[in-house]
Amino acid sequence: MSYLFPNYQRKKIQWVKGINNTLIDQDGKSYLDFTSGIGVMNLGYGDSNLNEVLSDQAANLWHAPNLYESKFQEETAEKLANGRDYVAYFCNSGAEANEAAIKLARKATGRSKIISFVNSFHGRTYGAMSATGQESIHQGFQPLVPDFEYLPFNDLDSLKQKIDKQTAAVILELIQGEGGVIPAKQEWVKQIKQLCRTTGTLLIIDEIQTGIGRTGSLYAYEQYEIEPDIFTLAKGLGNGIPVGAMLGKKSFAQAFGPGSHGSTFGGNNLAMRVASEVLERINQPDFLLEVQRKGNLLMKGLNQLALKTTLIKDVRGKGMMAGIELTDADVLASVMEQLKEEGLITLKAGQAVLRLLPPLTISDEELNRGVELLEKVLCKEQKND
């Protein structure tokens, strides 16, 4: 008997240790991790610097309420602003960050309508779930928060028809992660920004999976040559320590005055010390260039693999965020199970997409080994198909 709700479909495996880019299960078997704990462990496992920072803070003070000043929050917020005109609110997760973004957008504009996109994913709390454009996630939880509309991704005409001066915000992922690793088109994003400017609508970019170096820049929006009004972060920000953040333009600061929003644990000392160190490490030109180089290496290997098997319909992604669209969901399930047996951990996205999110610290040798295991399993699966 389990004393847990069965809301997760758990595999019969338990991780007991992580070393760099490798996970070890309860039986001592090692696995190359191409998931980063669903995009969390950007600096890998057991990082000595992060362990030292966490241990140092744990020996002093774990928690102080947000009734008092916090130099650690100020330092981390400044690093997140990255020289731009933003202020930060800290919380504990991506869903909470998106909740804060939705509340800020509505309060700052005095409007309620929010446009999201089909197959998007923004979290499972009520506001974030209502922003998520997936009916399967809504089932059983209606009525949702009102005034959310879901439009086709990468389609400009539908947005032109729906966005107006009653729209508080447009919220989108620049690469839909859970939806199937689908990148937004560059020109489409620029047109969204222009439509938002024309109608007084705020642009919210959900960087929870794409942020903190995952796509080869600190934030994915930098590669789209736009600057959002609001953006949200979590996952890789704490490298496993629960932390989320919502950043908005300084001009919106008054909309989030005292009493407007809050979090008991948001911005606690342990999370801030680790997040600050993560940012210090990742937001370096050489580090980000290496992510871009390794991302190109990964995509090259996957595109070459696509030429060797008819099971691959498409390869897409950016940086260290890749998706391999397979022929159907049954093939995906079989491939993922075989990869696990071979010692490679992967993720699912959409209906039939194999999602790869390796740690940003992964080596060329490990990337190549992962691609070799993918080739071995896919070619074997094709013979059995």
Protein backbone atom coordinates (compact mmCIF):
# COMPACT_ATOMS: atom_id res chain seq x y z
CA MET A 1 0.00 0.00 0.00
CA SER A 2 1.18 3.51 -0.81
CA TYR A 3 0.34 6.53 1.34
CA LEU A 4 0.67 8.81 -1.71
CA PHE A 5 -1.99 10.05 -4.10
CA PRO A 6 -1.57 8.25 -7.46
CA ASN A 7 -1.38 11.55 -9.40
CA TYR A 8 2.02 10.61 -10.86
CA GLN A 9 2.62 7.62 -13.11
CA ARG A 10 5.83 6.51 -11.42
CA LYS A 11 8.38 4.15 -12.93
CA LYS A 12 9.70 1.29 -10.78
CA ILE A 13 12.99 3.03 -10.20
CA GLN A 14 14.36 5.25 -7.45
CA TRP A 15 17.27 7.63 -7.72
CA VAL A 16 19.65 7.52 -4.78
CA LYS A 17 22.64 9.53 -6.05
CA GLY A 18 23.62 11.95 -8.79
CA ILE A 19 27.17 12.59 -10.01
CA ASN A 20 27.74 15.29 -12.64
CA ASN A 21 25.45 14.17 -15.50
CA THR A 22 24.79 10.65 -14.26
CA LEU A 23 22.06 9.22 -12.04
CA ILE A 24 22.38 6.06 -9.94
CA ASP A 25 19.37 3.95 -8.95
CA GLN A 26 18.64 1.85 -5.88
CA ASP A 27 20.36 -1.17 -7.44
CA GLY A 28 23.55 0.73 -8.24
CA LYS A 29 22.89 0.98 -12.00
CA SER A 30 24.12 4.18 -13.67
CA TYR A 31 22.15 6.19 -16.24
CA LEU A 32 23.16 9.07 -18.47
CA ASP A 33 20.60 11.80 -17.76
CA PHE A 34 19.12 13.55 -20.79
CA THR A 35 16.31 15.11 -18.70
CA SER A 36 18.03 17.33 -16.09
CA GLY A 37 15.15 16.43 -13.77
CA ILE A 38 12.75 17.99 -16.33
CA GLY A 39 14.99 20.95 -17.12
CA VAL A 40 16.09 21.65 -13.54
CA MET A 41 19.65 20.41 -13.09
CA ASN A 42 21.33 22.72 -15.60
CA LEU A 43 24.66 22.45 -13.74
CA GLY A 44 24.35 18.71 -13.17
CA TYR A 45 24.40 16.76 -9.91
CA GLY A 46 26.62 17.09 -6.86
CA ASP A 47 28.19 20.39 -7.90
CA SER A 48 30.79 21.18 -5.23
CA ASN A 49 30.39 24.98 -5.41
CA LEU A 50 26.61 24.83 -5.05
CA ASN A 51 26.91 22.32 -2.22
CA GLU A 52 29.31 24.63 -0.43
CA VAL A 53 27.05 27.68 -0.86
CA LEU A 54 24.02 25.75 0.39
CA SER A 55 25.92 24.31 3.36
CA ASP A 56 27.28 27.73 4.30
CA GLN A 57 23.83 29.31 4.34
CA ALA A 58 22.24 26.34 6.11
CA ALA A 59 24.70 26.84 8.96
CA ASN A 60 23.51 30.45 9.41
CA LEU A 61 19.84 31.06 8.62
CA TRP A 62 17.41 29.04 6.50
CA HIS A 63 14.38 31.29 6.59
CA ALA A 64 13.36 34.85 7.32
CA PRO A 65 9.89 36.21 6.47
CA ASN A 66 9.38 38.83 3.80
CA LEU A 67 8.58 41.39 6.49
CA TYR A 68 12.27 42.30 6.51
CA GLU A 69 14.88 43.36 3.98
CA SER A 70 16.89 40.68 2.22
CA LYS A 71 20.25 41.41 0.63
CA PHE A 72 20.19 37.94 -0.95
CA GLN A 73 16.93 38.72 -2.77
CA GLU A 74 18.31 42.09 -3.90
CA GLU A 75 21.51 40.49 -5.24
CA THR A 76 19.64 37.74 -7.09
CA ALA A 77 17.07 40.18 -8.51
CA GLU A 78 19.83 42.40 -9.88
CA LYS A 79 21.44 39.42 -11.60
CA LEU A 80 18.09 38.37 -13.07
CA ALA A 81 17.42 41.87 -14.40
CA ASN A 82 20.73 41.49 -16.24
CA GLY A 83 21.19 45.21 -16.86
CA ARG A 84 17.58 45.78 -17.97
CA ASP A 85 14.70 47.72 -16.45
CA TYR A 86 13.06 44.90 -14.43
CA VAL A 87 12.09 44.22 -10.82
CA ALA A 88 11.59 40.74 -9.38
CA TYR A 89 9.12 38.84 -7.21
CA PHE A 90 10.29 35.51 -5.76
CA CYS A 91 8.21 32.40 -5.18
CA ASN A 92 8.73 28.63 -5.10
CA SER A 93 7.76 27.23 -8.50
CA GLY A 94 6.97 27.97 -12.12
CA ALA A 95 3.23 27.73 -11.58
CA GLU A 96 3.47 30.31 -8.78
CA ALA A 97 5.56 32.58 -11.02
CA ASN A 98 2.88 32.42 -13.71
CA GLU A 99 0.14 33.06 -11.15
CA ALA A 100 2.00 36.21 -10.14
CA ALA A 101 2.39 37.25 -13.79
CA ILE A 102 -1.33 36.83 -14.46
CA LYS A 103 -2.25 38.82 -11.36
CA LEU A 104 0.22 41.59 -12.21
CA ALA A 105 -1.02 41.84 -15.82
CA ARG A 106 -4.64 42.17 -14.76
CA LYS A 107 -3.93 44.62 -11.96
CA ALA A 108 -1.53 46.80 -13.98
CA THR A 109 -3.87 47.07 -17.00
CA GLY A 110 -7.28 46.96 -15.31
CA ARG A 111 -8.27 44.39 -17.95
CA SER A 112 -9.10 40.68 -17.56
CA LYS A 113 -8.79 38.99 -20.97
CA ILE A 114 -5.63 36.90 -21.46
CA ILE A 115 -4.62 35.15 -24.69
CA SER A 116 -2.70 31.90 -24.56
CA PHE A 117 -1.97 29.24 -27.18
CA VAL A 118 -3.07 25.71 -27.99
CA ASN A 119 -0.75 23.03 -26.52
CA SER A 120 0.87 25.55 -24.17
CA PHE A 121 1.76 24.58 -20.61
CA HIS A 122 2.00 27.13 -17.79
CA GLY A 123 1.38 25.08 -14.64
CA ARG A 124 -1.34 23.33 -12.66
CA THR A 125 -2.58 25.90 -10.13
CA TYR A 126 -5.91 27.42 -11.16
CA GLY A 127 -4.64 30.55 -12.88
CA ALA A 128 -1.68 28.79 -14.53
CA MET A 129 -3.88 25.83 -15.52
CA SER A 130 -6.43 28.22 -17.03
CA ALA A 131 -3.61 29.75 -19.08
CA THR A 132 -2.61 26.28 -20.29
CA GLY A 133 -4.06 25.45 -23.70
CA GLN A 134 -4.55 21.70 -23.16
CA GLU A 135 -8.02 20.26 -22.57
CA SER A 136 -6.60 17.09 -21.01
CA ILE A 137 -5.15 19.17 -18.18
CA HIS A 138 -8.46 21.02 -17.66
CA GLN A 139 -10.60 17.86 -17.40
CA GLY A 140 -12.45 17.53 -14.11
CA PHE A 141 -11.46 20.98 -12.84
CA GLN A 142 -14.03 23.24 -14.49
CA PRO A 143 -15.03 25.98 -14.17
CA LEU A 144 -11.65 27.47 -14.90
CA VAL A 145 -10.60 31.05 -14.23
CA PRO A 146 -12.62 33.08 -16.78
CA ASP A 147 -11.45 35.24 -19.68
CA PHE A 148 -8.70 33.01 -21.11
CA GLU A 149 -8.63 32.34 -24.86
CA TYR A 150 -6.49 29.76 -26.68
CA LEU A 151 -5.29 30.48 -30.20
CA PRO A 152 -3.22 28.43 -32.67
CA PHE A 153 0.53 28.67 -32.06
CA ASN A 154 2.58 30.45 -34.73
CA ASP A 155 -0.60 31.80 -36.38
CA LEU A 156 -0.79 35.57 -36.77
CA ASP A 157 -4.24 35.98 -38.34
CA SER A 158 -6.13 34.49 -35.39
CA LEU A 159 -4.24 36.74 -32.98
CA LYS A 160 -5.02 39.84 -35.05
CA GLN A 161 -8.72 38.95 -34.82
CA LYS A 162 -8.74 38.38 -31.05
CA ILE A 163 -6.33 40.89 -29.51
CA ASP A 164 -7.97 44.20 -28.62
CA LYS A 165 -8.01 46.98 -26.05
CA GLN A 166 -9.73 44.68 -23.54
CA THR A 167 -6.78 42.24 -23.61
CA ALA A 168 -4.62 42.37 -20.48
CA ALA A 169 -1.85 40.08 -21.74
CA VAL A 170 -0.60 37.55 -24.23
CA ILE A 171 1.31 34.71 -22.56
CA LEU A 172 3.51 32.30 -24.48
CA GLU A 173 6.47 29.94 -24.37
CA LEU A 174 9.08 30.69 -27.02
CA ILE A 175 9.52 26.94 -27.30
CA GLN A 176 6.49 24.94 -26.25
CA GLY A 177 8.03 22.30 -24.01
CA GLU A 178 5.27 19.98 -22.78
CA GLY A 179 3.40 20.69 -26.01
CA GLY A 180 6.03 18.96 -28.15
CA VAL A 181 9.21 21.12 -28.29
CA ILE A 182 7.73 23.52 -30.84
CA PRO A 183 9.74 26.74 -31.40
CA ALA A 184 7.93 30.01 -32.00
CA LYS A 185 8.67 31.62 -35.35
CA GLN A 186 10.87 34.70 -35.07
CA GLU A 187 8.69 36.99 -37.18
CA TRP A 188 5.51 35.82 -35.43
CA VAL A 189 6.94 36.80 -32.04
CA LYS A 190 7.98 40.23 -33.32
CA GLN A 191 4.46 40.75 -34.71
CA ILE A 192 2.97 39.77 -31.34
CA LYS A 193 5.13 42.38 -29.65
CA GLN A 194 3.93 45.01 -32.13
CA LEU A 195 0.26 44.07 -31.67
CA CYS A 196 0.70 44.23 -27.89
CA ARG A 197 2.25 47.69 -28.17
CA THR A 198 -0.59 48.92 -30.39
CA THR A 199 -3.38 47.66 -28.09
CA GLY A 200 -1.72 48.37 -24.74
CA THR A 201 -1.52 44.63 -24.05
CA LEU A 202 1.29 43.20 -21.92
CA LEU A 203 3.52 40.45 -23.31
CA ILE A 204 4.32 37.66 -20.82
CA ILE A 205 7.09 35.25 -21.80
CA ASP A 206 7.11 31.95 -19.88
CA GLU A 207 10.83 31.15 -19.61
CA ILE A 208 10.40 28.43 -17.00
CA GLN A 209 11.87 25.74 -19.24
CA THR A 210 13.76 27.87 -21.79
CA GLY A 211 15.44 30.23 -19.30
CA ILE A 212 18.70 30.11 -17.32
CA GLY A 213 20.89 29.20 -20.29
CA ARG A 214 18.87 26.26 -21.64
CA THR A 215 18.70 27.63 -25.22
CA GLY A 216 22.21 29.11 -25.33
CA SER A 217 21.40 32.58 -23.96
CA LEU A 218 20.44 33.50 -20.41
CA TYR A 219 16.85 33.95 -21.62
CA ALA A 220 15.39 32.64 -24.86
CA TYR A 221 13.69 35.98 -25.54
CA GLU A 222 17.12 37.54 -26.18
CA GLN A 223 17.40 35.43 -29.34
CA TYR A 224 14.03 36.73 -30.56
CA GLU A 225 15.15 40.36 -30.37
CA ILE A 226 12.28 41.39 -28.13
CA GLU A 227 11.93 42.52 -24.54
CA PRO A 228 8.83 41.21 -22.71
CA ASP A 229 6.82 43.26 -20.26
CA ILE A 230 6.82 40.32 -17.85
CA PHE A 231 8.69 37.03 -17.82
CA THR A 232 8.72 34.02 -15.51
CA LEU A 233 11.42 31.63 -14.33
CA ALA A 234 11.85 28.51 -12.19
CA LYS A 235 13.32 25.04 -12.96
CA GLY A 236 17.03 25.71 -13.69
CA LEU A 237 17.14 28.82 -11.49
CA GLY A 238 17.80 26.80 -8.33
CA ASN A 239 19.45 23.68 -9.82
CA GLY A 240 17.13 21.54 -7.69
CA ILE A 241 16.35 23.96 -4.87
CA PRO A 242 12.68 25.04 -5.23
CA VAL A 243 12.60 28.63 -6.45
CA GLY A 244 10.62 30.66 -8.96
CA ALA A 245 10.66 34.28 -10.06
CA MET A 246 8.44 36.71 -11.92
CA LEU A 247 10.09 39.79 -13.42
CA GLY A 248 8.20 42.81 -14.67
CA LYS A 249 9.09 46.24 -15.95
CA LYS A 250 9.79 48.77 -13.18
CA SER A 251 6.84 50.82 -14.37
CA PHE A 252 4.52 48.08 -13.01
CA ALA A 253 6.02 48.16 -9.51
CA GLN A 254 3.18 50.23 -8.05
CA ALA A 255 0.63 47.61 -9.17
CA PHE A 256 2.29 45.14 -6.79
CA GLY A 257 2.42 47.35 -3.73
CA PRO A 258 2.29 46.12 -0.11
CA GLY A 259 -0.43 43.52 0.44
CA SER A 260 -1.10 42.85 -3.25
CA HIS A 261 0.68 39.50 -3.43
CA GLY A 262 3.04 37.39 -1.38
CA SER A 263 4.62 34.05 -0.49
CA THR A 264 5.72 32.79 2.93
CA PHE A 265 8.68 30.82 1.59
CA GLY A 266 9.33 32.84 -1.59
CA GLY A 267 12.88 34.20 -1.73
CA ASN A 268 14.09 32.28 1.34
CA ASN A 269 17.79 32.51 2.14
CA LEU A 270 18.71 29.00 0.99
CA ALA A 271 17.05 29.44 -2.41
CA MET A 272 18.49 32.90 -2.97
CA ARG A 273 22.07 31.92 -2.17
CA VAL A 274 21.91 28.99 -4.58
CA ALA A 275 20.08 30.93 -7.32
CA SER A 276 22.63 33.74 -7.13
CA GLU A 277 25.48 31.24 -7.57
CA VAL A 278 23.69 29.50 -10.45
CA LEU A 279 23.30 32.83 -12.26
CA GLU A 280 26.92 33.77 -11.59
CA ARG A 281 28.04 30.52 -13.20
CA ILE A 282 25.68 30.35 -16.17
CA ASN A 283 25.49 34.00 -17.21
CA GLN A 284 29.04 34.08 -18.56
CA PRO A 285 29.77 34.56 -22.29
CA ASP A 286 32.09 31.54 -22.50
CA PHE A 287 29.62 29.26 -20.72
CA LEU A 288 26.71 30.29 -22.95
CA LEU A 289 28.81 29.94 -26.10
CA GLU A 290 29.63 26.39 -24.98
CA VAL A 291 25.91 25.66 -24.57
CA GLN A 292 25.33 26.91 -28.11
CA ARG A 293 28.19 24.80 -29.45
CA LYS A 294 27.02 21.67 -27.67
CA GLY A 295 23.45 22.35 -28.75
CA ASN A 296 24.62 22.47 -32.36
CA LEU A 297 26.52 19.23 -31.84
CA LEU A 298 23.42 17.56 -30.43
CA MET A 299 21.16 18.79 -33.24
CA LYS A 300 23.68 17.71 -35.87
CA GLY A 301 23.76 14.22 -34.40
CA LEU A 302 19.96 14.02 -34.24
CA ASN A 303 19.52 15.26 -37.81
CA GLN A 304 22.02 12.66 -39.03
CA LEU A 305 20.12 10.02 -37.07
CA ALA A 306 16.86 11.10 -38.73
CA LEU A 307 18.36 10.09 -42.08
CA LYS A 308 18.87 6.54 -40.81
CA THR A 309 15.36 5.70 -39.65
CA THR A 310 11.83 6.30 -40.90
CA LEU A 311 10.57 6.35 -37.30
CA ILE A 312 11.67 10.00 -36.98
CA LYS A 313 9.24 12.49 -38.50
CA ASP A 314 10.97 15.69 -37.34
CA VAL A 315 13.83 17.03 -35.21
CA ARG A 316 13.51 20.48 -33.64
CA GLY A 317 14.71 22.63 -30.79
CA LYS A 318 17.27 25.20 -29.74
CA GLY A 319 20.39 24.93 -27.60
CA MET A 320 20.10 22.03 -25.16
CA MET A 321 16.36 21.63 -25.66
CA ALA A 322 15.57 19.13 -28.40
CA GLY A 323 12.53 17.20 -29.56
CA ILE A 324 12.41 14.12 -31.78
CA GLU A 325 8.94 13.60 -33.21
CA LEU A 326 8.35 9.89 -33.75
CA THR A 327 5.68 8.17 -35.84
CA ASP A 328 3.25 7.47 -32.98
CA ALA A 329 2.79 7.25 -29.22
CA ASP A 330 3.32 3.48 -29.06
CA VAL A 331 6.72 3.79 -30.72
CA LEU A 332 7.64 6.57 -28.28
CA ALA A 333 6.70 4.47 -25.25
CA SER A 334 8.69 1.50 -26.53
CA VAL A 335 11.73 3.63 -27.40
CA MET A 336 11.77 5.35 -24.00
CA GLU A 337 11.60 2.01 -22.18
CA GLN A 338 14.43 0.55 -24.27
CA LEU A 339 16.55 3.65 -23.74
CA LYS A 340 16.04 3.31 -19.99
CA GLU A 341 17.24 -0.30 -20.17
CA GLU A 342 20.29 0.90 -22.12
CA GLY A 343 21.04 3.49 -19.43
CA LEU A 344 19.71 6.70 -21.03
CA ILE A 345 16.91 8.69 -19.35
CA THR A 346 14.63 10.76 -21.62
CA LEU A 347 11.28 12.57 -21.49
CA LYS A 348 8.00 12.62 -23.36
CA ALA A 349 6.37 15.74 -24.81
CA GLY A 350 3.15 16.12 -26.77
CA GLN A 351 1.72 12.89 -28.20
CA ALA A 352 4.79 11.30 -29.75
CA VAL A 353 7.82 13.53 -29.11
CA LEU A 354 10.96 12.32 -27.38
CA ARG A 355 12.19 15.34 -25.42
CA LEU A 356 15.88 15.77 -24.56
CA LEU A 357 17.05 18.26 -21.91
CA PRO A 358 20.65 17.32 -21.03
CA PRO A 359 22.47 19.24 -18.28
CA LEU A 360 24.27 22.24 -19.73
CA THR A 361 27.49 20.85 -18.27
CA ILE A 362 27.32 17.63 -20.28
CA SER A 363 30.47 16.68 -22.20
CA ASP A 364 30.82 16.10 -25.95
CA GLU A 365 31.60 12.45 -25.21
CA GLU A 366 28.39 12.06 -23.21
CA LEU A 367 26.32 13.79 -25.90
CA ASN A 368 27.75 11.49 -28.55
CA ARG A 369 27.12 8.44 -26.37
CA GLY A 370 23.51 9.52 -25.91
CA VAL A 371 23.03 9.90 -29.66
CA GLU A 372 24.63 6.46 -30.21
CA LEU A 373 22.17 4.89 -27.77
CA LEU A 374 19.31 6.64 -29.55
CA GLU A 375 20.50 5.23 -32.86
CA LYS A 376 20.86 1.73 -31.41
CA VAL A 377 17.35 1.71 -29.98
CA LEU A 378 15.60 3.40 -32.91
CA CYS A 379 17.19 1.13 -35.49
CA LYS A 380 16.26 -1.90 -33.39
CA GLU A 381 12.70 -0.60 -33.02
CA GLN A 382 12.43 -0.07 -36.77
CA LYS A 383 13.39 -3.69 -37.44
CA ASN A 384 10.69 -4.86 -35.03
CA ASP A 385 8.06 -2.42 -36.33
